[in-house]
Each structure stands twice: as structure tokens, then as C-alpha cells.
Amino acid sequence: MNHAPQGDLAPVTVVCLCAEWCGVCRDYVQAFRQVQERIPHARMIWIDVEDEADLLHPLEVENFPTVLIAVDGRPRFFGPLRPQLETLERLIRAQMTAADPSPLSDRSVSELADRILAAKART
């Protein structure tokens, strides 16, 4: 699910951290894919927290779905999100168009974003 940015928009990466055993996550994957269709220039990444635990370490994800949104490689949102298509789409668009965007100051989230972006750049 990779797409290059369009026009002068900064690259947006949306990472959903879920687990295969989680019924909410299994139901949410379809909405996540629909958002990709609605925002085609966003890079959407689905990560199973158990399959890629080494990538996430030392962060623990306890609530599903947990979403990370990075704009131009810098995290702008990280946290659990209601598993609704409209909520995710609205949040992504808000982060893309923020007049005075501030990246998150949590170093562990910044490091997580760096690890995910580096790992997924190779795939």
C-alpha cells in the first residue's frame, strides 16, 4: 500500500498497530484499506504487533487499534483510535493540513517512527 506524495503535500505515513488475534483489528483492516483509497497519496502500513514485536520494542501496544501518523517522517499522532473509517480519515487530513504542525515530543515515539520507516523502506 505505498504511494508517492502528490503536488506539494508532505509525505504522510499512517501506521496501524494491531494483532491478528484481535477481532476489532480484523474488522478494522477493511476500513483502513478504504481510507487508503480516499487518501491515495498517504502511505498506509499495517503492522501485526506480535509478528513484528522486535520492530516495536521497547514500546508496548496495549490498545487496538493504535495508530501512528507521521508527516514528512515526523510523528504527529500516536495513540489508540476508534476503529471507524471517518475518524481515521478526519485525523489524517487534520494532520496533513495543520497550519502550525508540531511533531510529538516523545522520543520513544520518534524512534519508533524512524524504525518503522527504515524497515518498511526496504520492503
PDB file of N, CA and C in Angstrom:
ATOM      1  N   MET A   1       0.827  -1.189   0.000  1.00  0.00           N
ATOM      2  CA  MET A   1       0.000   0.000   0.000  1.00  0.00           C
ATOM      3  C   MET A   1       0.869   1.249   0.000  1.00  0.00           C
ATOM      4  N   ASN A   2       1.753   1.422  -0.893  1.00  0.00           N
ATOM      5  CA  ASN A   2       2.645   2.563  -0.929  1.00  0.00           C
ATOM      6  C   ASN A   2       2.264   3.487  -2.075  1.00  0.00           C
ATOM      7  N   HIS A   3       2.295   4.790  -1.781  1.00  0.00           N
ATOM      8  CA  HIS A   3       2.006   5.779  -2.802  1.00  0.00           C
ATOM      9  C   HIS A   3       2.910   6.969  -2.580  1.00  0.00           C
ATOM     10  N   ALA A   4       3.373   7.566  -3.638  1.00  0.00           N
ATOM     11  CA  ALA A   4       4.187   8.765  -3.547  1.00  0.00           C
ATOM     12  C   ALA A   4       3.289   9.958  -3.276  1.00  0.00           C
ATOM     13  N   PRO A   5       3.827  10.994  -2.651  1.00  0.00           N
ATOM     14  CA  PRO A   5       3.038  12.185  -2.390  1.00  0.00           C
ATOM     15  C   PRO A   5       2.660  12.887  -3.690  1.00  0.00           C
ATOM     16  N   GLN A   6       1.557  13.637  -3.652  1.00  0.00           N
ATOM     17  CA  GLN A   6       1.095  14.358  -4.820  1.00  0.00           C
ATOM     18  C   GLN A   6       1.281  15.844  -4.589  1.00  0.00           C
ATOM     19  N   GLY A   7       1.667  16.564  -5.626  1.00  0.00           N
ATOM     20  CA  GLY A   7       1.785  18.004  -5.535  1.00  0.00           C
ATOM     21  C   GLY A   7       2.791  18.419  -4.477  1.00  0.00           C
ATOM     22  N   ASP A   8       2.415  19.432  -3.710  1.00  0.00           N
ATOM     23  CA  ASP A   8       3.321  19.946  -2.696  1.00  0.00           C
ATOM     24  C   ASP A   8       3.005  19.405  -1.300  1.00  0.00           C
ATOM     25  N   LEU A   9       2.230  18.346  -1.215  1.00  0.00           N
ATOM     26  CA  LEU A   9       1.910  17.753   0.076  1.00  0.00           C
ATOM     27  C   LEU A   9       3.125  17.015   0.630  1.00  0.00           C
ATOM     28  N   ALA A  10       3.363  17.177   1.918  1.00  0.00           N
ATOM     29  CA  ALA A  10       4.447  16.442   2.570  1.00  0.00           C
ATOM     30  C   ALA A  10       4.068  14.964   2.622  1.00  0.00           C
ATOM     31  N   PRO A  11       5.058  14.076   2.568  1.00  0.00           N
ATOM     32  CA  PRO A  11       4.758  12.646   2.656  1.00  0.00           C
ATOM     33  C   PRO A  11       4.085  12.305   3.988  1.00  0.00           C
ATOM     34  N   VAL A  12       3.004  11.560   3.897  1.00  0.00           N
ATOM     35  CA  VAL A  12       2.245  11.148   5.082  1.00  0.00           C
ATOM     36  C   VAL A  12       2.301   9.633   5.188  1.00  0.00           C
ATOM     37  N   THR A  13       2.671   9.155   6.374  1.00  0.00           N
ATOM     38  CA  THR A  13       2.689   7.725   6.642  1.00  0.00           C
ATOM     39  C   THR A  13       1.733   7.452   7.784  1.00  0.00           C
ATOM     40  N   VAL A  14       0.854   6.482   7.587  1.00  0.00           N
ATOM     41  CA  VAL A  14      -0.109   6.090   8.600  1.00  0.00           C
ATOM     42  C   VAL A  14       0.152   4.620   8.921  1.00  0.00           C
ATOM     43  N   VAL A  15       0.464   4.358  10.182  1.00  0.00           N
ATOM     44  CA  VAL A  15       0.781   3.005  10.615  1.00  0.00           C
ATOM     45  C   VAL A  15      -0.298   2.555  11.593  1.00  0.00           C
ATOM     46  N   CYS A  16      -0.896   1.416  11.306  1.00  0.00           N
ATOM     47  CA  CYS A  16      -1.861   0.834  12.232  1.00  0.00           C
ATOM     48  C   CYS A  16      -1.194  -0.342  12.920  1.00  0.00           C
ATOM     49  N   LEU A  17      -1.155  -0.300  14.233  1.00  0.00           N
ATOM     50  CA  LEU A  17      -0.582  -1.364  15.044  1.00  0.00           C
ATOM     51  C   LEU A  17      -1.718  -2.183  15.611  1.00  0.00           C
ATOM     52  N   CYS A  18      -1.802  -3.416  15.155  1.00  0.00           N
ATOM     53  CA  CYS A  18      -2.888  -4.303  15.559  1.00  0.00           C
ATOM     54  C   CYS A  18      -2.353  -5.701  15.822  1.00  0.00           C
ATOM     55  N   ALA A  19      -3.273  -6.608  16.088  1.00  0.00           N
ATOM     56  CA  ALA A  19      -2.907  -8.007  16.318  1.00  0.00           C
ATOM     57  C   ALA A  19      -3.917  -8.898  15.605  1.00  0.00           C
ATOM     58  N   GLU A  20      -3.413  -9.953  14.987  1.00  0.00           N
ATOM     59  CA  GLU A  20      -4.268 -10.876  14.244  1.00  0.00           C
ATOM     60  C   GLU A  20      -5.348 -11.493  15.129  1.00  0.00           C
ATOM     61  N   TRP A  21      -5.016 -11.746  16.392  1.00  0.00           N
ATOM     62  CA  TRP A  21      -5.983 -12.381  17.292  1.00  0.00           C
ATOM     63  C   TRP A  21      -7.104 -11.443  17.712  1.00  0.00           C
ATOM     64  N   CYS A  22      -6.948 -10.147  17.450  1.00  0.00           N
ATOM     65  CA  CYS A  22      -7.919  -9.136  17.887  1.00  0.00           C
ATOM     66  C   CYS A  22      -9.044  -9.019  16.860  1.00  0.00           C
ATOM     67  N   GLY A  23     -10.254  -9.345  17.272  1.00  0.00           N
ATOM     68  CA  GLY A  23     -11.407  -9.257  16.381  1.00  0.00           C
ATOM     69  C   GLY A  23     -11.657  -7.851  15.865  1.00  0.00           C
ATOM     70  N   VAL A  24     -11.453  -6.847  16.714  1.00  0.00           N
ATOM     71  CA  VAL A  24     -11.631  -5.453  16.293  1.00  0.00           C
ATOM     72  C   VAL A  24     -10.658  -5.135  15.162  1.00  0.00           C
ATOM     73  N   CYS A  25      -9.421  -5.600  15.301  1.00  0.00           N
ATOM     74  CA  CYS A  25      -8.414  -5.357  14.261  1.00  0.00           C
ATOM     75  C   CYS A  25      -8.789  -6.042  12.956  1.00  0.00           C
ATOM     76  N   ARG A  26      -9.233  -7.268  13.046  1.00  0.00           N
ATOM     77  CA  ARG A  26      -9.624  -7.988  11.823  1.00  0.00           C
ATOM     78  C   ARG A  26     -10.757  -7.260  11.111  1.00  0.00           C
ATOM     79  N   ASP A  27     -11.676  -6.683  11.876  1.00  0.00           N
ATOM     80  CA  ASP A  27     -12.772  -5.925  11.277  1.00  0.00           C
ATOM     81  C   ASP A  27     -12.290  -4.577  10.728  1.00  0.00           C
ATOM     82  N   TYR A  28     -11.285  -3.996  11.366  1.00  0.00           N
ATOM     83  CA  TYR A  28     -10.802  -2.653  11.026  1.00  0.00           C
ATOM     84  C   TYR A  28      -9.956  -2.624   9.758  1.00  0.00           C
ATOM     85  N   VAL A  29      -9.342  -3.730   9.403  1.00  0.00           N
ATOM     86  CA  VAL A  29      -8.446  -3.734   8.250  1.00  0.00           C
ATOM     87  C   VAL A  29      -9.156  -3.253   6.984  1.00  0.00           C
ATOM     88  N   GLN A  30     -10.412  -3.562   6.827  1.00  0.00           N
ATOM     89  CA  GLN A  30     -11.155  -3.126   5.640  1.00  0.00           C
ATOM     90  C   GLN A  30     -11.320  -1.602   5.638  1.00  0.00           C
ATOM     91  N   ALA A  31     -11.647  -1.017   6.770  1.00  0.00           N
ATOM     92  CA  ALA A  31     -11.774   0.440   6.853  1.00  0.00           C
ATOM     93  C   ALA A  31     -10.430   1.110   6.577  1.00  0.00           C
ATOM     94  N   PHE A  32      -9.357   0.524   7.086  1.00  0.00           N
ATOM     95  CA  PHE A  32      -8.008   1.051   6.872  1.00  0.00           C
ATOM     96  C   PHE A  32      -7.697   1.081   5.367  1.00  0.00           C
ATOM     97  N   ARG A  33      -8.068   0.045   4.673  1.00  0.00           N
ATOM     98  CA  ARG A  33      -7.847  -0.013   3.224  1.00  0.00           C
ATOM     99  C   ARG A  33      -8.727   0.993   2.479  1.00  0.00           C
ATOM    100  N   GLN A  34      -9.922   1.221   2.981  1.00  0.00           N
ATOM    101  CA  GLN A  34     -10.806   2.199   2.344  1.00  0.00           C
ATOM    102  C   GLN A  34     -10.241   3.612   2.482  1.00  0.00           C
ATOM    103  N   VAL A  35      -9.626   3.896   3.618  1.00  0.00           N
ATOM    104  CA  VAL A  35      -9.004   5.212   3.799  1.00  0.00           C
ATOM    105  C   VAL A  35      -7.863   5.364   2.795  1.00  0.00           C
ATOM    106  N   GLN A  36      -7.129   4.305   2.530  1.00  0.00           N
ATOM    107  CA  GLN A  36      -6.074   4.351   1.517  1.00  0.00           C
ATOM    108  C   GLN A  36      -6.643   4.763   0.166  1.00  0.00           C
ATOM    109  N   GLU A  37      -7.822   4.269  -0.159  1.00  0.00           N
ATOM    110  CA  GLU A  37      -8.458   4.640  -1.420  1.00  0.00           C
ATOM    111  C   GLU A  37      -8.879   6.105  -1.420  1.00  0.00           C
ATOM    112  N   ARG A  38      -9.296   6.617  -0.282  1.00  0.00           N
ATOM    113  CA  ARG A  38      -9.756   8.004  -0.175  1.00  0.00           C
ATOM    114  C   ARG A  38      -8.606   9.001  -0.101  1.00  0.00           C
ATOM    115  N   ILE A  39      -7.458   8.557   0.416  1.00  0.00           N
ATOM    116  CA  ILE A  39      -6.280   9.421   0.531  1.00  0.00           C
ATOM    117  C   ILE A  39      -5.117   8.678  -0.127  1.00  0.00           C
ATOM    118  N   PRO A  40      -5.112   8.597  -1.445  1.00  0.00           N
ATOM    119  CA  PRO A  40      -4.155   7.736  -2.136  1.00  0.00           C
ATOM    120  C   PRO A  40      -2.693   8.141  -2.000  1.00  0.00           C
ATOM    121  N   HIS A  41      -2.406   9.387  -1.660  1.00  0.00           N
ATOM    122  CA  HIS A  41      -1.010   9.793  -1.517  1.00  0.00           C
ATOM    123  C   HIS A  41      -0.434   9.451  -0.142  1.00  0.00           C
ATOM    124  N   ALA A  42      -1.262   8.964   0.768  1.00  0.00           N
ATOM    125  CA  ALA A  42      -0.768   8.538   2.082  1.00  0.00           C
ATOM    126  C   ALA A  42      -0.193   7.126   1.981  1.00  0.00           C
ATOM    127  N   ARG A  43       0.895   6.918   2.654  1.00  0.00           N
ATOM    128  CA  ARG A  43       1.487   5.573   2.718  1.00  0.00           C
ATOM    129  C   ARG A  43       0.875   4.880   3.935  1.00  0.00           C
ATOM    130  N   MET A  44       0.151   3.811   3.689  1.00  0.00           N
ATOM    131  CA  MET A  44      -0.547   3.095   4.756  1.00  0.00           C
ATOM    132  C   MET A  44       0.195   1.800   5.052  1.00  0.00           C
ATOM    133  N   ILE A  45       0.516   1.597   6.329  1.00  0.00           N
ATOM    134  CA  ILE A  45       1.267   0.415   6.752  1.00  0.00           C
ATOM    135  C   ILE A  45       0.504  -0.279   7.865  1.00  0.00           C
ATOM    136  N   TRP A  46       0.265  -1.550   7.699  1.00  0.00           N
ATOM    137  CA  TRP A  46      -0.415  -2.382   8.704  1.00  0.00           C
ATOM    138  C   TRP A  46       0.645  -3.245   9.368  1.00  0.00           C
ATOM    139  N   ILE A  47       0.748  -3.170  10.692  1.00  0.00           N
ATOM    140  CA  ILE A  47       1.751  -3.955  11.412  1.00  0.00           C
ATOM    141  C   ILE A  47       1.069  -4.799  12.475  1.00  0.00           C
ATOM    142  N   ASP A  48       1.325  -6.105  12.422  1.00  0.00           N
ATOM    143  CA  ASP A  48       0.867  -7.012  13.474  1.00  0.00           C
ATOM    144  C   ASP A  48       1.899  -6.936  14.601  1.00  0.00           C
ATOM    145  N   VAL A  49       1.456  -6.517  15.779  1.00  0.00           N
ATOM    146  CA  VAL A  49       2.382  -6.275  16.886  1.00  0.00           C
ATOM    147  C   VAL A  49       3.093  -7.539  17.353  1.00  0.00           C
ATOM    148  N   GLU A  50       2.506  -8.679  17.098  1.00  0.00           N
ATOM    149  CA  GLU A  50       3.153  -9.922  17.509  1.00  0.00           C
ATOM    150  C   GLU A  50       4.148 -10.395  16.458  1.00  0.00           C
ATOM    151  N   ASP A  51       3.823 -10.223  15.193  1.00  0.00           N
ATOM    152  CA  ASP A  51       4.735 -10.629  14.125  1.00  0.00           C
ATOM    153  C   ASP A  51       5.967  -9.729  14.060  1.00  0.00           C
ATOM    154  N   GLU A  52       5.799  -8.472  14.459  1.00  0.00           N
ATOM    155  CA  GLU A  52       6.907  -7.519  14.352  1.00  0.00           C
ATOM    156  C   GLU A  52       7.243  -6.894  15.711  1.00  0.00           C
ATOM    157  N   ALA A  53       7.217  -7.713  16.741  1.00  0.00           N
ATOM    158  CA  ALA A  53       7.488  -7.238  18.104  1.00  0.00           C
ATOM    159  C   ALA A  53       8.870  -6.607  18.228  1.00  0.00           C
ATOM    160  N   ASP A  54       9.867  -7.158  17.535  1.00  0.00           N
ATOM    161  CA  ASP A  54      11.218  -6.599  17.606  1.00  0.00           C
ATOM    162  C   ASP A  54      11.263  -5.174  17.072  1.00  0.00           C
ATOM    163  N   LEU A  55      10.471  -4.892  16.057  1.00  0.00           N
ATOM    164  CA  LEU A  55      10.421  -3.559  15.478  1.00  0.00           C
ATOM    165  C   LEU A  55       9.831  -2.552  16.467  1.00  0.00           C
ATOM    166  N   LEU A  56       8.870  -2.997  17.263  1.00  0.00           N
ATOM    167  CA  LEU A  56       8.178  -2.101  18.192  1.00  0.00           C
ATOM    168  C   LEU A  56       8.909  -1.912  19.518  1.00  0.00           C
ATOM    169  N   HIS A  57       9.718  -2.885  19.897  1.00  0.00           N
ATOM    170  CA  HIS A  57      10.401  -2.854  21.192  1.00  0.00           C
ATOM    171  C   HIS A  57      11.219  -1.579  21.337  1.00  0.00           C
ATOM    172  N   PRO A  58      11.149  -0.881  22.431  1.00  0.00           N
ATOM    173  CA  PRO A  58      10.628  -1.249  23.740  1.00  0.00           C
ATOM    174  C   PRO A  58       9.187  -0.798  24.010  1.00  0.00           C
ATOM    175  N   LEU A  59       8.526  -0.185  23.030  1.00  0.00           N
ATOM    176  CA  LEU A  59       7.148   0.259  23.252  1.00  0.00           C
ATOM    177  C   LEU A  59       6.196  -0.929  23.342  1.00  0.00           C
ATOM    178  N   GLU A  60       5.247  -0.836  24.231  1.00  0.00           N
ATOM    179  CA  GLU A  60       4.199  -1.845  24.359  1.00  0.00           C
ATOM    180  C   GLU A  60       2.902  -1.256  23.829  1.00  0.00           C
ATOM    181  N   VAL A  61       2.232  -1.990  22.976  1.00  0.00           N
ATOM    182  CA  VAL A  61       0.932  -1.564  22.467  1.00  0.00           C
ATOM    183  C   VAL A  61      -0.111  -2.416  23.159  1.00  0.00           C
ATOM    184  N   GLU A  62      -0.981  -1.761  23.916  1.00  0.00           N
ATOM    185  CA  GLU A  62      -1.971  -2.476  24.715  1.00  0.00           C
ATOM    186  C   GLU A  62      -3.391  -2.275  24.232  1.00  0.00           C
ATOM    187  N   ASN A  63      -3.632  -1.216  23.457  1.00  0.00           N
ATOM    188  CA  ASN A  63      -4.979  -0.912  22.976  1.00  0.00           C
ATOM    189  C   ASN A  63      -4.982  -0.967  21.462  1.00  0.00           C
ATOM    190  N   PHE A  64      -6.038  -1.576  20.911  1.00  0.00           N
ATOM    191  CA  PHE A  64      -6.121  -1.743  19.470  1.00  0.00           C
ATOM    192  C   PHE A  64      -7.385  -1.105  18.921  1.00  0.00           C
ATOM    193  N   PRO A  65      -7.310  -0.502  17.754  1.00  0.00           N
ATOM    194  CA  PRO A  65      -6.093  -0.221  17.018  1.00  0.00           C
ATOM    195  C   PRO A  65      -5.356   0.981  17.601  1.00  0.00           C
ATOM    196  N   THR A  66      -4.045   0.952  17.524  1.00  0.00           N
ATOM    197  CA  THR A  66      -3.200   2.097  17.844  1.00  0.00           C
ATOM    198  C   THR A  66      -2.637   2.589  16.528  1.00  0.00           C
ATOM    199  N   VAL A  67      -2.684   3.899  16.339  1.00  0.00           N
ATOM    200  CA  VAL A  67      -2.288   4.498  15.070  1.00  0.00           C
ATOM    201  C   VAL A  67      -1.143   5.475  15.289  1.00  0.00           C
ATOM    202  N   LEU A  68      -0.200   5.438  14.366  1.00  0.00           N
ATOM    203  CA  LEU A  68       0.906   6.385  14.308  1.00  0.00           C
ATOM    204  C   LEU A  68       0.780   7.123  12.983  1.00  0.00           C
ATOM    205  N   ILE A  69       0.751   8.450  13.051  1.00  0.00           N
ATOM    206  CA  ILE A  69       0.726   9.256  11.835  1.00  0.00           C
ATOM    207  C   ILE A  69       1.987  10.109  11.834  1.00  0.00           C
ATOM    208  N   ALA A  70       2.765   9.976  10.765  1.00  0.00           N
ATOM    209  CA  ALA A  70       3.972  10.775  10.601  1.00  0.00           C
ATOM    210  C   ALA A  70       3.845  11.588   9.325  1.00  0.00           C
ATOM    211  N   VAL A  71       4.169  12.865   9.416  1.00  0.00           N
ATOM    212  CA  VAL A  71       4.166  13.740   8.253  1.00  0.00           C
ATOM    213  C   VAL A  71       5.609  14.172   8.033  1.00  0.00           C
ATOM    214  N   ASP A  72       6.082  13.921   6.836  1.00  0.00           N
ATOM    215  CA  ASP A  72       7.471  14.212   6.482  1.00  0.00           C
ATOM    216  C   ASP A  72       8.439  13.516   7.442  1.00  0.00           C
ATOM    217  N   GLY A  73       8.054  12.302   7.856  1.00  0.00           N
ATOM    218  CA  GLY A  73       8.901  11.483   8.713  1.00  0.00           C
ATOM    219  C   GLY A  73       8.834  11.801  10.190  1.00  0.00           C
ATOM    220  N   ARG A  74       8.075  12.830  10.567  1.00  0.00           N
ATOM    221  CA  ARG A  74       7.996  13.215  11.980  1.00  0.00           C
ATOM    222  C   ARG A  74       6.618  12.871  12.542  1.00  0.00           C
ATOM    223  N   PRO A  75       6.588  12.148  13.662  1.00  0.00           N
ATOM    224  CA  PRO A  75       5.294  11.728  14.217  1.00  0.00           C
ATOM    225  C   PRO A  75       4.467  12.920  14.683  1.00  0.00           C
ATOM    226  N   ARG A  76       3.190  12.881  14.298  1.00  0.00           N
ATOM    227  CA  ARG A  76       2.253  13.934  14.694  1.00  0.00           C
ATOM    228  C   ARG A  76       1.156  13.397  15.603  1.00  0.00           C
ATOM    229  N   PHE A  77       0.895  12.084  15.504  1.00  0.00           N
ATOM    230  CA  PHE A  77      -0.139  11.453  16.338  1.00  0.00           C
ATOM    231  C   PHE A  77       0.302  10.043  16.641  1.00  0.00           C
ATOM    232  N   PHE A  78       0.083   9.638  17.897  1.00  0.00           N
ATOM    233  CA  PHE A  78       0.318   8.254  18.283  1.00  0.00           C
ATOM    234  C   PHE A  78      -0.632   7.920  19.419  1.00  0.00           C
ATOM    235  N   GLY A  79      -1.498   6.940  19.188  1.00  0.00           N
ATOM    236  CA  GLY A  79      -2.400   6.528  20.250  1.00  0.00           C
ATOM    237  C   GLY A  79      -3.525   5.655  19.724  1.00  0.00           C
ATOM    238  N   PRO A  80      -4.311   5.129  20.661  1.00  0.00           N
ATOM    239  CA  PRO A  80      -5.455   4.311  20.265  1.00  0.00           C
ATOM    240  C   PRO A  80      -6.489   5.192  19.563  1.00  0.00           C
ATOM    241  N   LEU A  81      -7.226   4.566  18.685  1.00  0.00           N
ATOM    242  CA  LEU A  81      -8.192   5.297  17.880  1.00  0.00           C
ATOM    243  C   LEU A  81      -9.452   4.464  17.731  1.00  0.00           C
ATOM    244  N   ARG A  82     -10.584   5.120  17.749  1.00  0.00           N
ATOM    245  CA  ARG A  82     -11.832   4.396  17.491  1.00  0.00           C
ATOM    246  C   ARG A  82     -11.744   3.746  16.114  1.00  0.00           C
ATOM    247  N   PRO A  83     -12.126   2.501  16.007  1.00  0.00           N
ATOM    248  CA  PRO A  83     -11.978   1.793  14.732  1.00  0.00           C
ATOM    249  C   PRO A  83     -13.064   2.163  13.731  1.00  0.00           C
ATOM    250  N   GLN A  84     -13.048   3.428  13.312  1.00  0.00           N
ATOM    251  CA  GLN A  84     -14.041   3.913  12.359  1.00  0.00           C
ATOM    252  C   GLN A  84     -13.335   4.615  11.210  1.00  0.00           C
ATOM    253  N   LEU A  85     -13.759   4.322  10.018  1.00  0.00           N
ATOM    254  CA  LEU A  85     -13.182   4.897   8.814  1.00  0.00           C
ATOM    255  C   LEU A  85     -13.157   6.422   8.874  1.00  0.00           C
ATOM    256  N   GLU A  86     -14.267   7.041   9.221  1.00  0.00           N
ATOM    257  CA  GLU A  86     -14.367   8.502   9.223  1.00  0.00           C
ATOM    258  C   GLU A  86     -13.423   9.123  10.236  1.00  0.00           C
ATOM    259  N   THR A  87     -13.245   8.487  11.394  1.00  0.00           N
ATOM    260  CA  THR A  87     -12.355   9.016  12.426  1.00  0.00           C
ATOM    261  C   THR A  87     -10.913   9.023  11.921  1.00  0.00           C
ATOM    262  N   LEU A  88     -10.479   7.937  11.328  1.00  0.00           N
ATOM    263  CA  LEU A  88      -9.121   7.857  10.804  1.00  0.00           C
ATOM    264  C   LEU A  88      -8.917   8.860   9.679  1.00  0.00           C
ATOM    265  N   GLU A  89      -9.836   8.924   8.753  1.00  0.00           N
ATOM    266  CA  GLU A  89      -9.701   9.849   7.633  1.00  0.00           C
ATOM    267  C   GLU A  89      -9.626  11.295   8.115  1.00  0.00           C
ATOM    268  N   ARG A  90     -10.489  11.671   9.023  1.00  0.00           N
ATOM    269  CA  ARG A  90     -10.503  13.036   9.556  1.00  0.00           C
ATOM    270  C   ARG A  90      -9.180  13.365  10.256  1.00  0.00           C
ATOM    271  N   LEU A  91      -8.669  12.425  11.029  1.00  0.00           N
ATOM    272  CA  LEU A  91      -7.411  12.640  11.747  1.00  0.00           C
ATOM    273  C   LEU A  91      -6.240  12.806  10.776  1.00  0.00           C
ATOM    274  N   ILE A  92      -6.178  11.969   9.756  1.00  0.00           N
ATOM    275  CA  ILE A  92      -5.097  12.075   8.770  1.00  0.00           C
ATOM    276  C   ILE A  92      -5.155  13.430   8.075  1.00  0.00           C
ATOM    277  N   ARG A  93      -6.338  13.814   7.615  1.00  0.00           N
ATOM    278  CA  ARG A  93      -6.468  15.093   6.910  1.00  0.00           C
ATOM    279  C   ARG A  93      -6.120  16.267   7.825  1.00  0.00           C
ATOM    280  N   ALA A  94      -6.484  16.195   9.085  1.00  0.00           N
ATOM    281  CA  ALA A  94      -6.150  17.268  10.029  1.00  0.00           C
ATOM    282  C   ALA A  94      -4.643  17.386  10.204  1.00  0.00           C
ATOM    283  N   GLN A  95      -3.961  16.258  10.275  1.00  0.00           N
ATOM    284  CA  GLN A  95      -2.506  16.291  10.429  1.00  0.00           C
ATOM    285  C   GLN A  95      -1.820  16.789   9.157  1.00  0.00           C
ATOM    286  N   MET A  96      -2.383  16.476   8.010  1.00  0.00           N
ATOM    287  CA  MET A  96      -1.800  16.901   6.731  1.00  0.00           C
ATOM    288  C   MET A  96      -1.936  18.400   6.513  1.00  0.00           C
ATOM    289  N   THR A  97      -2.998  18.987   7.035  1.00  0.00           N
ATOM    290  CA  THR A  97      -3.296  20.387   6.744  1.00  0.00           C
ATOM    291  C   THR A  97      -3.098  21.317   7.929  1.00  0.00           C
ATOM    292  N   ALA A  98      -2.511  20.820   9.014  1.00  0.00           N
ATOM    293  CA  ALA A  98      -2.312  21.655  10.206  1.00  0.00           C
ATOM    294  C   ALA A  98      -1.497  22.893   9.841  1.00  0.00           C
ATOM    295  N   ALA A  99      -1.990  24.070  10.228  1.00  0.00           N
ATOM    296  CA  ALA A  99      -1.315  25.323   9.907  1.00  0.00           C
ATOM    297  C   ALA A  99       0.027  25.439  10.626  1.00  0.00           C
ATOM    298  N   ASP A 100       0.083  24.981  11.859  1.00  0.00           N
ATOM    299  CA  ASP A 100       1.313  25.052  12.641  1.00  0.00           C
ATOM    300  C   ASP A 100       1.604  23.668  13.205  1.00  0.00           C
ATOM    301  N   PRO A 101       2.051  22.756  12.345  1.00  0.00           N
ATOM    302  CA  PRO A 101       2.239  21.374  12.792  1.00  0.00           C
ATOM    303  C   PRO A 101       3.395  21.241  13.781  1.00  0.00           C
ATOM    304  N   SER A 102       3.123  20.549  14.839  1.00  0.00           N
ATOM    305  CA  SER A 102       4.147  20.273  15.837  1.00  0.00           C
ATOM    306  C   SER A 102       4.318  18.775  15.950  1.00  0.00           C
ATOM    307  N   PRO A 103       5.542  18.299  15.765  1.00  0.00           N
ATOM    308  CA  PRO A 103       5.755  16.863  15.947  1.00  0.00           C
ATOM    309  C   PRO A 103       5.625  16.500  17.421  1.00  0.00           C
ATOM    310  N   LEU A 104       5.339  15.246  17.682  1.00  0.00           N
ATOM    311  CA  LEU A 104       5.263  14.777  19.061  1.00  0.00           C
ATOM    312  C   LEU A 104       6.642  14.869  19.691  1.00  0.00           C
ATOM    313  N   SER A 105       6.675  15.171  20.973  1.00  0.00           N
ATOM    314  CA  SER A 105       7.965  15.325  21.643  1.00  0.00           C
ATOM    315  C   SER A 105       8.448  14.041  22.314  1.00  0.00           C
ATOM    316  N   ASP A 106       7.628  13.007  22.323  1.00  0.00           N
ATOM    317  CA  ASP A 106       8.006  11.747  22.953  1.00  0.00           C
ATOM    318  C   ASP A 106       9.086  11.064  22.119  1.00  0.00           C
ATOM    319  N   ARG A 107      10.272  10.982  22.684  1.00  0.00           N
ATOM    320  CA  ARG A 107      11.416  10.419  21.956  1.00  0.00           C
ATOM    321  C   ARG A 107      11.179   8.966  21.544  1.00  0.00           C
ATOM    322  N   SER A 108      10.517   8.184  22.397  1.00  0.00           N
ATOM    323  CA  SER A 108      10.291   6.776  22.065  1.00  0.00           C
ATOM    324  C   SER A 108       9.372   6.636  20.851  1.00  0.00           C
ATOM    325  N   VAL A 109       8.420   7.550  20.687  1.00  0.00           N
ATOM    326  CA  VAL A 109       7.542   7.509  19.518  1.00  0.00           C
ATOM    327  C   VAL A 109       8.321   7.943  18.270  1.00  0.00           C
ATOM    328  N   SER A 110       9.175   8.941  18.398  1.00  0.00           N
ATOM    329  CA  SER A 110      10.006   9.365  17.272  1.00  0.00           C
ATOM    330  C   SER A 110      10.925   8.234  16.828  1.00  0.00           C
ATOM    331  N   GLU A 111      11.502   7.531  17.791  1.00  0.00           N
ATOM    332  CA  GLU A 111      12.378   6.408  17.471  1.00  0.00           C
ATOM    333  C   GLU A 111      11.593   5.271  16.814  1.00  0.00           C
ATOM    334  N   LEU A 112      10.364   5.041  17.288  1.00  0.00           N
ATOM    335  CA  LEU A 112       9.509   4.028  16.673  1.00  0.00           C
ATOM    336  C   LEU A 112       9.218   4.397  15.220  1.00  0.00           C
ATOM    337  N   ALA A 113       8.858   5.650  14.988  1.00  0.00           N
ATOM    338  CA  ALA A 113       8.574   6.095  13.617  1.00  0.00           C
ATOM    339  C   ALA A 113       9.808   5.889  12.735  1.00  0.00           C
ATOM    340  N   ASP A 114      10.979   6.239  13.238  1.00  0.00           N
ATOM    341  CA  ASP A 114      12.210   6.056  12.470  1.00  0.00           C
ATOM    342  C   ASP A 114      12.440   4.583  12.129  1.00  0.00           C
ATOM    343  N   ARG A 115      12.242   3.689  13.121  1.00  0.00           N
ATOM    344  CA  ARG A 115      12.447   2.255  12.890  1.00  0.00           C
ATOM    345  C   ARG A 115      11.472   1.717  11.849  1.00  0.00           C
ATOM    346  N   ILE A 116      10.207   2.095  11.976  1.00  0.00           N
ATOM    347  CA  ILE A 116       9.188   1.607  11.039  1.00  0.00           C
ATOM    348  C   ILE A 116       9.473   2.125   9.625  1.00  0.00           C
ATOM    349  N   LEU A 117       9.755   3.408   9.504  1.00  0.00           N
ATOM    350  CA  LEU A 117      10.009   3.971   8.181  1.00  0.00           C
ATOM    351  C   LEU A 117      11.247   3.350   7.541  1.00  0.00           C
ATOM    352  N   ALA A 118      12.285   3.119   8.336  1.00  0.00           N
ATOM    353  CA  ALA A 118      13.501   2.496   7.796  1.00  0.00           C
ATOM    354  C   ALA A 118      13.235   1.048   7.385  1.00  0.00           C
ATOM    355  N   ALA A 119      12.530   0.302   8.232  1.00  0.00           N
ATOM    356  CA  ALA A 119      12.250  -1.104   7.938  1.00  0.00           C
ATOM    357  C   ALA A 119      11.342  -1.251   6.722  1.00  0.00           C
ATOM    358  N   LYS A 120      10.339  -0.408   6.620  1.00  0.00           N
ATOM    359  CA  LYS A 120       9.374  -0.527   5.523  1.00  0.00           C
ATOM    360  C   LYS A 120       9.904   0.064   4.230  1.00  0.00           C
ATOM    361  N   ALA A 121      10.931   0.891   4.297  1.00  0.00           N
ATOM    362  CA  ALA A 121      11.563   1.402   3.080  1.00  0.00           C
ATOM    363  C   ALA A 121      12.275   0.285   2.344  1.00  0.00           C
ATOM    364  N   ARG A 122      12.690  -0.745   3.084  1.00  0.00           N
ATOM    365  CA  ARG A 122      13.407  -1.861   2.487  1.00  0.00           C
ATOM    366  C   ARG A 122      12.459  -2.902   1.905  1.00  0.00           C
ATOM    367  N   THR A 123      11.153  -2.780   2.178  1.00  0.00           N
ATOM    368  CA  THR A 123      10.212  -3.798   1.682  1.00  0.00           C
ATOM    369  C   THR A 123       9.402  -3.282   0.524  1.00  0.00           C
TER     370      THR A 123
END
